[in-house]
Amino acid sequence: MVPLFPLGTVLYPGQPLPLHIFEPRYRQLIRDLLEGPQPGRFGVIAIRKGRETGVAGISALYQIGCTATLRRIAAYDDGRFDVVTVGSQRFRVAGLDDSGPYLQAEVELLEESAGDRAAAALVAEAVQRAFGSYVGALGQREGIEASVPELPDEPILLSYVVAGSMILDLPARQALLAEPDALHRLTAERALLAREVTMLRSLTATPAPELRNSPYSPN
């Protein structure tokens, strides 16, 4: 069984995730991990419906999540924790157990694959170029000169770096996590990047309305 930490976000392998632990059930989760084999790991799963806090806040979860490995822990006198974790391995939930203080799950760990390596390498090059255009369009939108970070060439790693760096809503981020391999993930990212760049450039090219000629409403 893997302890679960439902969140309103998606964690990808290799991505850092800092957390402030204050709810009693998750304080217990961290204490249990500290008493078990090291490094401690738990599963991060995105909330499909509901909210992060509250006893009955979560009504539905996504099926695919990612294990988080504890890297740093700061404990406070009142029982709270600040932790830094890193995404490790994707998993599929096979069954849930809510009988304890926090949610646990039977999980199937998912192996990583590039898919067709030749095709993945070609798409990776296209995604690197598209991501550069995306960062440039974001910078132009914000009126700043943005520098494009150095991206890895390895398709699996690249697919997660790009997924974690894009500004996307939760369903789109979850869909990228659930892709079966790097080729499919990179192909989806190339389409998303093209869409986002087109939208950003369209917004940047649209002149601001002339406020003095606009109708005024105090509401």
C-alpha atoms as a PDB file:
ATOM      1  CA  MET A   1       0.000   0.000   0.000  1.00  0.00           C
ATOM      2  CA  VAL A   2       1.197   3.492  -0.850  1.00  0.00           C
ATOM      3  CA  PRO A   3       0.157   6.539   1.221  1.00  0.00           C
ATOM      4  CA  LEU A   4      -1.649   9.056  -0.991  1.00  0.00           C
ATOM      5  CA  PHE A   5      -1.450  12.838  -0.905  1.00  0.00           C
ATOM      6  CA  PRO A   6      -4.259  14.230  -3.102  1.00  0.00           C
ATOM      7  CA  LEU A   7      -3.479  17.680  -4.494  1.00  0.00           C
ATOM      8  CA  GLY A   8      -4.936  20.201  -6.878  1.00  0.00           C
ATOM      9  CA  THR A   9      -1.900  19.846  -9.116  1.00  0.00           C
ATOM     10  CA  VAL A  10      -0.002  17.234 -11.117  1.00  0.00           C
ATOM     11  CA  LEU A  11       3.482  15.974 -10.240  1.00  0.00           C
ATOM     12  CA  TYR A  12       5.831  14.714 -12.963  1.00  0.00           C
ATOM     13  CA  PRO A  13       8.894  12.465 -12.561  1.00  0.00           C
ATOM     14  CA  GLY A  14      11.961  14.585 -11.823  1.00  0.00           C
ATOM     15  CA  GLN A  15       9.921  17.638 -10.819  1.00  0.00           C
ATOM     16  CA  PRO A  16      10.494  19.173  -7.351  1.00  0.00           C
ATOM     17  CA  LEU A  17       7.446  19.647  -5.137  1.00  0.00           C
ATOM     18  CA  PRO A  18       7.712  21.606  -1.859  1.00  0.00           C
ATOM     19  CA  LEU A  19       4.840  21.104   0.593  1.00  0.00           C
ATOM     20  CA  HIS A  20       3.748  22.706   3.857  1.00  0.00           C
ATOM     21  CA  ILE A  21       2.200  19.944   5.975  1.00  0.00           C
ATOM     22  CA  PHE A  22      -0.340  21.195   8.494  1.00  0.00           C
ATOM     23  CA  GLU A  23      -3.392  18.918   8.453  1.00  0.00           C
ATOM     24  CA  PRO A  24      -3.291  16.251  11.209  1.00  0.00           C
ATOM     25  CA  ARG A  25      -3.713  13.318   8.773  1.00  0.00           C
ATOM     26  CA  TYR A  26      -0.755  14.417   6.646  1.00  0.00           C
ATOM     27  CA  ARG A  27       1.369  15.163   9.716  1.00  0.00           C
ATOM     28  CA  GLN A  28       0.759  11.516  10.609  1.00  0.00           C
ATOM     29  CA  LEU A  29       1.693  10.463   7.080  1.00  0.00           C
ATOM     30  CA  ILE A  30       5.060  12.221   7.349  1.00  0.00           C
ATOM     31  CA  ARG A  31       5.721  10.791  10.814  1.00  0.00           C
ATOM     32  CA  ASP A  32       4.952   7.303   9.528  1.00  0.00           C
ATOM     33  CA  LEU A  33       7.324   7.787   6.598  1.00  0.00           C
ATOM     34  CA  LEU A  34      10.096   8.981   8.902  1.00  0.00           C
ATOM     35  CA  GLU A  35       9.716   5.806  10.960  1.00  0.00           C
ATOM     36  CA  GLY A  36       9.835   3.531   7.909  1.00  0.00           C
ATOM     37  CA  PRO A  37      12.443   2.687   5.251  1.00  0.00           C
ATOM     38  CA  GLN A  38      14.325   5.648   3.829  1.00  0.00           C
ATOM     39  CA  PRO A  39      13.936   7.580   1.671  1.00  0.00           C
ATOM     40  CA  GLY A  40      10.232   7.924   2.391  1.00  0.00           C
ATOM     41  CA  ARG A  41       7.844   7.920  -0.536  1.00  0.00           C
ATOM     42  CA  PHE A  42       4.164   8.673  -0.991  1.00  0.00           C
ATOM     43  CA  GLY A  43       1.864   9.019  -3.968  1.00  0.00           C
ATOM     44  CA  VAL A  44       0.738  12.390  -5.300  1.00  0.00           C
ATOM     45  CA  ILE A  45      -2.579  12.120  -7.111  1.00  0.00           C
ATOM     46  CA  ALA A  46      -4.518  14.986  -8.656  1.00  0.00           C
ATOM     47  CA  ILE A  47      -8.029  15.759  -7.453  1.00  0.00           C
ATOM     48  CA  ARG A  48     -10.606  15.396 -10.209  1.00  0.00           C
ATOM     49  CA  LYS A  49     -13.452  16.778  -8.109  1.00  0.00           C
ATOM     50  CA  GLY A  50     -13.342  18.385  -4.674  1.00  0.00           C
ATOM     51  CA  ARG A  51     -10.766  20.321  -2.673  1.00  0.00           C
ATOM     52  CA  GLU A  52      -7.476  19.603  -0.921  1.00  0.00           C
ATOM     53  CA  THR A  53      -8.455  20.481   2.646  1.00  0.00           C
ATOM     54  CA  GLY A  54     -11.276  19.269   4.845  1.00  0.00           C
ATOM     55  CA  VAL A  55     -12.345  15.820   5.983  1.00  0.00           C
ATOM     56  CA  ALA A  56     -14.825  15.250   3.162  1.00  0.00           C
ATOM     57  CA  GLY A  57     -13.325  17.624   0.608  1.00  0.00           C
ATOM     58  CA  ILE A  58     -12.342  15.059  -2.042  1.00  0.00           C
ATOM     59  CA  SER A  59     -15.026  13.283  -4.040  1.00  0.00           C
ATOM     60  CA  ALA A  60     -13.049  12.020  -7.060  1.00  0.00           C
ATOM     61  CA  LEU A  61      -9.406  11.425  -7.961  1.00  0.00           C
ATOM     62  CA  TYR A  62      -7.597  10.847 -11.220  1.00  0.00           C
ATOM     63  CA  GLN A  63      -6.295   7.332 -11.817  1.00  0.00           C
ATOM     64  CA  ILE A  64      -2.681   8.129 -12.764  1.00  0.00           C
ATOM     65  CA  GLY A  65      -0.331   9.743 -10.238  1.00  0.00           C
ATOM     66  CA  CYS A  66       3.360  10.008  -9.431  1.00  0.00           C
ATOM     67  CA  THR A  67       5.319   8.904  -6.389  1.00  0.00           C
ATOM     68  CA  ALA A  68       7.116  11.656  -4.463  1.00  0.00           C
ATOM     69  CA  THR A  69      10.416  10.971  -2.687  1.00  0.00           C
ATOM     70  CA  LEU A  70      11.245  12.975   0.431  1.00  0.00           C
ATOM     71  CA  ARG A  71      14.456  14.967   0.010  1.00  0.00           C
ATOM     72  CA  ARG A  72      14.366  17.549   2.827  1.00  0.00           C
ATOM     73  CA  ILE A  73      12.247  17.817   5.963  1.00  0.00           C
ATOM     74  CA  ALA A  74      11.941  20.673   8.464  1.00  0.00           C
ATOM     75  CA  ALA A  75       9.883  19.899  11.568  1.00  0.00           C
ATOM     76  CA  TYR A  76       8.197  22.560  13.721  1.00  0.00           C
ATOM     77  CA  ASP A  77       7.458  22.392  17.438  1.00  0.00           C
ATOM     78  CA  ASP A  78       3.706  22.489  16.817  1.00  0.00           C
ATOM     79  CA  GLY A  79       3.831  19.352  14.629  1.00  0.00           C
ATOM     80  CA  ARG A  80       3.861  20.973  11.206  1.00  0.00           C
ATOM     81  CA  PHE A  81       6.417  20.095   8.539  1.00  0.00           C
ATOM     82  CA  ASP A  82       7.964  21.775   5.544  1.00  0.00           C
ATOM     83  CA  VAL A  83       9.114  19.139   3.078  1.00  0.00           C
ATOM     84  CA  VAL A  84      10.758  19.120  -0.321  1.00  0.00           C
ATOM     85  CA  THR A  85       9.986  16.134  -2.519  1.00  0.00           C
ATOM     86  CA  VAL A  86      10.902  15.065  -6.048  1.00  0.00           C
ATOM     87  CA  GLY A  87       8.661  13.160  -8.433  1.00  0.00           C
ATOM     88  CA  SER A  88       9.915   9.602  -8.943  1.00  0.00           C
ATOM     89  CA  GLN A  89       7.679   7.146 -10.827  1.00  0.00           C
ATOM     90  CA  ARG A  90       4.224   7.174 -12.327  1.00  0.00           C
ATOM     91  CA  PHE A  91       1.600   4.791 -11.020  1.00  0.00           C
ATOM     92  CA  ARG A  92      -1.960   3.702 -11.713  1.00  0.00           C
ATOM     93  CA  VAL A  93      -4.358   3.361  -8.782  1.00  0.00           C
ATOM     94  CA  ALA A  94      -5.690  -0.196  -8.540  1.00  0.00           C
ATOM     95  CA  GLY A  95      -7.632   0.180  -5.288  1.00  0.00           C
ATOM     96  CA  LEU A  96      -8.209   2.664  -2.483  1.00  0.00           C
ATOM     97  CA  ASP A  97      -8.162   2.170   1.289  1.00  0.00           C
ATOM     98  CA  ASP A  98      -9.701   4.958   3.386  1.00  0.00           C
ATOM     99  CA  SER A  99      -9.812   3.014   6.663  1.00  0.00           C
ATOM    100  CA  GLY A 100      -6.785   4.790   8.180  1.00  0.00           C
ATOM    101  CA  PRO A 101      -5.996   8.375   9.112  1.00  0.00           C
ATOM    102  CA  TYR A 102      -5.002   9.106   5.512  1.00  0.00           C
ATOM    103  CA  LEU A 103      -5.831   7.617   2.135  1.00  0.00           C
ATOM    104  CA  GLN A 104      -3.752   4.687   0.883  1.00  0.00           C
ATOM    105  CA  ALA A 105      -3.788   2.816  -2.407  1.00  0.00           C
ATOM    106  CA  GLU A 106      -2.792  -0.368  -4.107  1.00  0.00           C
ATOM    107  CA  VAL A 107      -0.855   0.871  -7.124  1.00  0.00           C
ATOM    108  CA  GLU A 108       0.657  -0.453 -10.347  1.00  0.00           C
ATOM    109  CA  LEU A 109       3.990   1.249 -11.017  1.00  0.00           C
ATOM    110  CA  LEU A 110       4.285   2.297 -14.663  1.00  0.00           C
ATOM    111  CA  GLU A 111       7.467   1.773 -16.633  1.00  0.00           C
ATOM    112  CA  GLU A 112       8.843   4.627 -18.713  1.00  0.00           C
ATOM    113  CA  SER A 113       9.269   4.171 -22.447  1.00  0.00           C
ATOM    114  CA  ALA A 114      10.312   6.459 -25.268  1.00  0.00           C
ATOM    115  CA  GLY A 115       8.064   4.580 -27.689  1.00  0.00           C
ATOM    116  CA  ASP A 116       9.488   4.493 -31.191  1.00  0.00           C
ATOM    117  CA  ARG A 117      12.924   5.957 -30.432  1.00  0.00           C
ATOM    118  CA  ALA A 118      13.612   7.304 -33.921  1.00  0.00           C
ATOM    119  CA  ALA A 119      10.236   9.012 -34.095  1.00  0.00           C
ATOM    120  CA  ALA A 120      10.591  10.279 -30.512  1.00  0.00           C
ATOM    121  CA  ALA A 121      13.963  11.863 -31.335  1.00  0.00           C
ATOM    122  CA  LEU A 122      12.471  13.720 -34.300  1.00  0.00           C
ATOM    123  CA  VAL A 123       9.501  14.974 -32.294  1.00  0.00           C
ATOM    124  CA  ALA A 124      11.856  15.959 -29.446  1.00  0.00           C
ATOM    125  CA  GLU A 125      13.707  18.322 -31.783  1.00  0.00           C
ATOM    126  CA  ALA A 126      10.421  19.876 -32.890  1.00  0.00           C
ATOM    127  CA  VAL A 127       9.300  20.293 -29.264  1.00  0.00           C
ATOM    128  CA  GLN A 128      12.582  21.994 -28.331  1.00  0.00           C
ATOM    129  CA  ARG A 129      12.045  24.540 -31.126  1.00  0.00           C
ATOM    130  CA  ALA A 130       8.375  24.987 -30.242  1.00  0.00           C
ATOM    131  CA  PHE A 131       9.194  25.482 -26.580  1.00  0.00           C
ATOM    132  CA  GLY A 132      11.654  28.240 -27.522  1.00  0.00           C
ATOM    133  CA  SER A 133       8.880  29.973 -29.469  1.00  0.00           C
ATOM    134  CA  TYR A 134       6.543  29.509 -26.494  1.00  0.00           C
ATOM    135  CA  VAL A 135       8.962  31.106 -24.028  1.00  0.00           C
ATOM    136  CA  GLY A 136       9.569  33.965 -26.473  1.00  0.00           C
ATOM    137  CA  ALA A 137       5.839  34.552 -26.925  1.00  0.00           C
ATOM    138  CA  LEU A 138       5.326  34.546 -23.157  1.00  0.00           C
ATOM    139  CA  GLY A 139       8.091  37.097 -22.733  1.00  0.00           C
ATOM    140  CA  GLN A 140       6.656  39.295 -25.466  1.00  0.00           C
ATOM    141  CA  ARG A 141       3.250  39.094 -23.838  1.00  0.00           C
ATOM    142  CA  GLU A 142       4.726  40.212 -20.499  1.00  0.00           C
ATOM    143  CA  GLY A 143       6.965  42.840 -22.104  1.00  0.00           C
ATOM    144  CA  ILE A 144      10.202  41.184 -20.976  1.00  0.00           C
ATOM    145  CA  GLU A 145      13.125  39.554 -22.743  1.00  0.00           C
ATOM    146  CA  ALA A 146      12.821  35.895 -21.828  1.00  0.00           C
ATOM    147  CA  SER A 147      15.716  33.467 -22.094  1.00  0.00           C
ATOM    148  CA  VAL A 148      15.029  29.905 -23.141  1.00  0.00           C
ATOM    149  CA  PRO A 149      16.384  27.365 -20.615  1.00  0.00           C
ATOM    150  CA  GLU A 150      18.659  24.613 -21.840  1.00  0.00           C
ATOM    151  CA  LEU A 151      16.531  21.578 -22.572  1.00  0.00           C
ATOM    152  CA  PRO A 152      17.593  17.924 -22.414  1.00  0.00           C
ATOM    153  CA  ASP A 153      17.749  15.899 -25.619  1.00  0.00           C
ATOM    154  CA  GLU A 154      16.633  12.599 -24.087  1.00  0.00           C
ATOM    155  CA  PRO A 155      12.935  12.221 -25.062  1.00  0.00           C
ATOM    156  CA  ILE A 156      11.545  10.939 -21.750  1.00  0.00           C
ATOM    157  CA  LEU A 157      13.281  13.601 -19.659  1.00  0.00           C
ATOM    158  CA  LEU A 158      12.441  16.320 -22.186  1.00  0.00           C
ATOM    159  CA  SER A 159       8.768  15.341 -22.190  1.00  0.00           C
ATOM    160  CA  TYR A 160       8.523  15.837 -18.421  1.00  0.00           C
ATOM    161  CA  VAL A 161      10.594  19.043 -18.317  1.00  0.00           C
ATOM    162  CA  VAL A 162       8.353  20.642 -20.941  1.00  0.00           C
ATOM    163  CA  ALA A 163       5.173  19.327 -19.299  1.00  0.00           C
ATOM    164  CA  GLY A 164       6.221  20.789 -15.951  1.00  0.00           C
ATOM    165  CA  SER A 165       7.215  24.142 -17.472  1.00  0.00           C
ATOM    166  CA  MET A 166       4.089  24.935 -19.500  1.00  0.00           C
ATOM    167  CA  ILE A 167       1.216  26.986 -18.134  1.00  0.00           C
ATOM    168  CA  LEU A 168      -1.711  24.598 -18.492  1.00  0.00           C
ATOM    169  CA  ASP A 169      -4.920  23.799 -16.677  1.00  0.00           C
ATOM    170  CA  LEU A 170      -5.083  20.672 -14.544  1.00  0.00           C
ATOM    171  CA  PRO A 171      -6.896  18.381 -17.039  1.00  0.00           C
ATOM    172  CA  ALA A 172      -4.286  19.132 -19.710  1.00  0.00           C
ATOM    173  CA  ARG A 173      -1.426  18.526 -17.276  1.00  0.00           C
ATOM    174  CA  GLN A 174      -3.034  15.271 -16.158  1.00  0.00           C
ATOM    175  CA  ALA A 175      -3.491  14.143 -19.757  1.00  0.00           C
ATOM    176  CA  LEU A 176       0.253  14.598 -20.369  1.00  0.00           C
ATOM    177  CA  LEU A 177       1.080  12.542 -17.275  1.00  0.00           C
ATOM    178  CA  ALA A 178      -1.205   9.755 -18.496  1.00  0.00           C
ATOM    179  CA  GLU A 179       0.342   9.481 -21.981  1.00  0.00           C
ATOM    180  CA  PRO A 180       1.721   5.942 -22.481  1.00  0.00           C
ATOM    181  CA  ASP A 181       5.218   6.965 -23.588  1.00  0.00           C
ATOM    182  CA  ALA A 182       7.478   9.891 -24.450  1.00  0.00           C
ATOM    183  CA  LEU A 183       6.569   9.843 -28.149  1.00  0.00           C
ATOM    184  CA  HIS A 184       2.871  10.323 -27.404  1.00  0.00           C
ATOM    185  CA  ARG A 185       3.612  12.914 -24.697  1.00  0.00           C
ATOM    186  CA  LEU A 186       5.939  14.938 -26.930  1.00  0.00           C
ATOM    187  CA  THR A 187       3.461  14.780 -29.814  1.00  0.00           C
ATOM    188  CA  ALA A 188       0.749  16.164 -27.531  1.00  0.00           C
ATOM    189  CA  GLU A 189       3.125  18.852 -26.251  1.00  0.00           C
ATOM    190  CA  ARG A 190       4.013  19.951 -29.767  1.00  0.00           C
ATOM    191  CA  ALA A 191       0.312  20.506 -30.497  1.00  0.00           C
ATOM    192  CA  LEU A 192      -0.221  22.313 -27.177  1.00  0.00           C
ATOM    193  CA  LEU A 193       2.809  24.542 -27.730  1.00  0.00           C
ATOM    194  CA  ALA A 194       1.646  25.475 -31.239  1.00  0.00           C
ATOM    195  CA  ARG A 195      -1.800  26.346 -29.859  1.00  0.00           C
ATOM    196  CA  GLU A 196      -0.405  28.401 -26.992  1.00  0.00           C
ATOM    197  CA  VAL A 197       2.048  30.303 -29.184  1.00  0.00           C
ATOM    198  CA  THR A 198      -0.704  31.183 -31.642  1.00  0.00           C
ATOM    199  CA  MET A 199      -2.933  32.392 -28.804  1.00  0.00           C
ATOM    200  CA  LEU A 200      -0.179  34.402 -27.102  1.00  0.00           C
ATOM    201  CA  ARG A 201       0.863  36.099 -30.334  1.00  0.00           C
ATOM    202  CA  SER A 202      -2.758  36.885 -31.107  1.00  0.00           C
ATOM    203  CA  LEU A 203      -3.227  38.485 -27.704  1.00  0.00           C
ATOM    204  CA  THR A 204       0.012  40.437 -28.019  1.00  0.00           C
ATOM    205  CA  ALA A 205      -0.948  41.731 -31.459  1.00  0.00           C
ATOM    206  CA  THR A 206      -4.390  42.901 -30.308  1.00  0.00           C
ATOM    207  CA  PRO A 207      -4.282  46.612 -29.460  1.00  0.00           C
ATOM    208  CA  ALA A 208      -5.523  47.629 -26.035  1.00  0.00           C
ATOM    209  CA  PRO A 209      -8.959  49.268 -26.067  1.00  0.00           C
ATOM    210  CA  GLU A 210      -9.117  53.066 -25.906  1.00  0.00           C
ATOM    211  CA  LEU A 211     -10.336  53.446 -22.359  1.00  0.00           C
ATOM    212  CA  ARG A 212     -11.556  57.011 -22.714  1.00  0.00           C
ATOM    213  CA  ASN A 213     -13.967  55.886 -25.421  1.00  0.00           C
ATOM    214  CA  SER A 214     -15.120  52.828 -23.526  1.00  0.00           C
ATOM    215  CA  PRO A 215     -18.389  52.725 -21.591  1.00  0.00           C
ATOM    216  CA  TYR A 216     -17.849  53.185 -17.868  1.00  0.00           C
ATOM    217  CA  SER A 217     -19.515  51.078 -15.220  1.00  0.00           C
ATOM    218  CA  PRO A 218     -18.916  51.484 -11.471  1.00  0.00           C
ATOM    219  CA  ASN A 219     -19.721  47.766 -10.923  1.00  0.00           C
END
